[in-house]
């Protein structure tokens, strides 16, 4: 999955379309991500020892990863994500629109280093 924990994403579809938030959790098996402040649900709880106030508790639920796009750090607009190898053999993610780096994802490997 090209979206990682800590990325800033914008929601493209659904009730929260247009909302920007940070990725809290990634579930690669089900292709779902949890975004801060998006797809919030409320649970009504009675007063108890653990929660003496009671009331409505809210939490974010996962949404499908295809419904969000990573925000480019350079332009601030939604973009697709690609992979590339740098001259020293380090693999990194980059924004397809601007070419800005989104961080490295593997250490340098001699096999992929530019021998030029």
Protein backbone atom coordinates (compact mmCIF):
# COMPACT_ATOMS: atom_id res chain seq x y z
CA UNK A 1 0.00 0.00 0.00
CA UNK A 2 1.38 3.39 -0.95
CA UNK A 3 -0.22 5.26 1.96
CA UNK A 4 1.72 5.06 5.23
CA UNK A 5 1.00 5.96 8.83
CA UNK A 6 1.65 9.67 9.45
CA UNK A 7 0.88 10.80 5.88
CA UNK A 8 -1.39 13.78 5.33
CA UNK A 9 -4.30 12.78 3.10
CA UNK A 10 -7.43 14.38 1.68
CA UNK A 11 -10.72 12.47 1.45
CA UNK A 12 -12.06 12.33 -2.11
CA UNK A 13 -15.44 10.64 -1.69
CA UNK A 14 -18.12 10.11 0.93
CA UNK A 15 -19.62 12.10 3.75
CA UNK A 16 -16.28 13.68 4.67
CA UNK A 17 -15.17 14.59 1.13
CA UNK A 18 -12.66 17.44 1.10
CA UNK A 19 -11.48 16.92 4.68
CA UNK A 20 -7.73 16.77 5.23
CA UNK A 21 -6.26 14.69 8.05
CA UNK A 22 -3.36 12.58 9.23
CA UNK A 23 -3.33 8.80 8.83
CA UNK A 24 -3.58 7.14 12.26
CA UNK A 25 -3.61 3.47 11.30
CA UNK A 26 -3.16 1.34 8.16
CA UNK A 27 -4.75 -2.10 7.64
CA UNK A 28 -3.01 -3.55 4.58
CA UNK A 29 -4.95 -6.84 4.64
CA UNK A 30 -8.31 -5.12 4.16
CA UNK A 31 -7.02 -2.05 2.25
CA UNK A 32 -8.42 0.29 4.93
CA UNK A 33 -6.96 3.32 6.67
CA UNK A 34 -8.05 5.36 9.67
CA UNK A 35 -7.79 9.13 9.28
CA UNK A 36 -7.86 11.66 12.10
CA UNK A 37 -11.29 13.36 12.27
CA UNK A 38 -12.80 11.37 9.36
CA UNK A 39 -15.66 8.84 9.45
CA UNK A 40 -16.35 9.62 13.10
CA UNK A 41 -19.03 7.56 14.82
CA UNK A 42 -20.71 8.09 18.18
CA UNK A 43 -21.41 5.48 20.84
CA UNK A 44 -23.84 6.27 23.63
CA UNK A 45 -22.57 4.97 26.96
CA UNK A 46 -24.19 4.84 30.37
CA UNK A 47 -22.40 6.23 33.40
CA UNK A 48 -20.14 3.60 34.98
CA UNK A 49 -17.07 3.27 37.20
CA UNK A 50 -14.84 3.63 34.20
CA UNK A 51 -16.80 6.51 32.65
CA UNK A 52 -18.70 8.31 35.44
CA UNK A 53 -19.94 11.09 33.14
CA UNK A 54 -21.52 8.83 30.50
CA UNK A 55 -22.70 10.48 27.30
CA UNK A 56 -21.52 10.15 23.72
CA UNK A 57 -18.05 8.86 22.94
CA UNK A 58 -16.70 9.34 19.43
CA UNK A 59 -13.99 7.55 17.50
CA UNK A 60 -12.74 7.33 13.95
CA UNK A 61 -13.59 4.24 11.91
CA UNK A 62 -11.55 2.94 8.95
CA UNK A 63 -12.31 3.96 5.36
CA UNK A 64 -11.17 2.41 2.11
CA UNK A 65 -7.74 3.54 0.96
CA UNK A 66 -9.04 4.21 -2.56
CA UNK A 67 -11.18 7.06 -1.21
CA UNK A 68 -8.20 9.21 -0.19
CA UNK A 69 -5.22 10.82 -1.88
CA UNK A 70 -1.90 11.86 -0.37
CA UNK A 71 -1.33 15.61 -0.13
CA UNK A 72 1.81 16.78 -1.92
CA UNK A 73 4.18 18.54 0.52
CA UNK A 74 5.31 20.97 -2.19
CA UNK A 75 1.99 22.08 -3.73
CA UNK A 76 -0.51 21.13 -1.02
CA UNK A 77 -2.76 19.41 -3.57
CA UNK A 78 -3.82 15.75 -3.84
CA UNK A 79 -1.43 13.58 -5.81
CA UNK A 80 -0.67 9.97 -6.63
CA UNK A 81 2.35 8.26 -5.11
CA UNK A 82 5.16 6.51 -6.96
CA UNK A 83 8.37 4.69 -6.08
CA UNK A 84 11.86 5.40 -7.41
CA UNK A 85 15.47 4.57 -6.64
CA UNK A 86 17.96 7.32 -5.93
CA UNK A 87 21.55 7.32 -7.21
CA UNK A 88 22.82 5.66 -4.02
CA UNK A 89 20.26 2.82 -4.31
CA UNK A 90 17.80 4.09 -1.70
CA UNK A 91 14.14 3.45 -2.51
CA UNK A 92 11.79 6.37 -1.86
CA UNK A 93 8.18 7.40 -2.30
CA UNK A 94 7.52 10.54 -4.33
CA UNK A 95 4.58 12.73 -5.37
CA UNK A 96 3.80 12.16 -9.04
CA UNK A 97 2.61 15.74 -9.71
CA UNK A 98 5.59 17.67 -8.38
CA UNK A 99 8.26 15.00 -7.94
CA UNK A 100 8.69 15.94 -4.26
CA UNK A 101 10.05 13.23 -1.98
CA UNK A 102 7.73 11.64 0.59
CA UNK A 103 10.55 9.87 2.44
CA UNK A 104 12.73 6.85 1.92
CA UNK A 105 11.33 3.36 2.50
CA UNK A 106 14.42 1.15 2.23
CA UNK A 107 18.12 1.46 2.95
CA UNK A 108 20.64 1.84 0.11
CA UNK A 109 21.22 -1.28 -1.98
CA UNK A 110 24.22 -1.72 -4.26
CA UNK A 111 22.11 -3.53 -6.86
CA UNK A 112 20.01 -0.42 -7.54
CA UNK A 113 22.76 2.20 -7.22
CA UNK A 114 23.51 4.25 -10.31
CA UNK A 115 26.84 3.06 -11.68
CA UNK A 116 27.39 6.15 -13.79
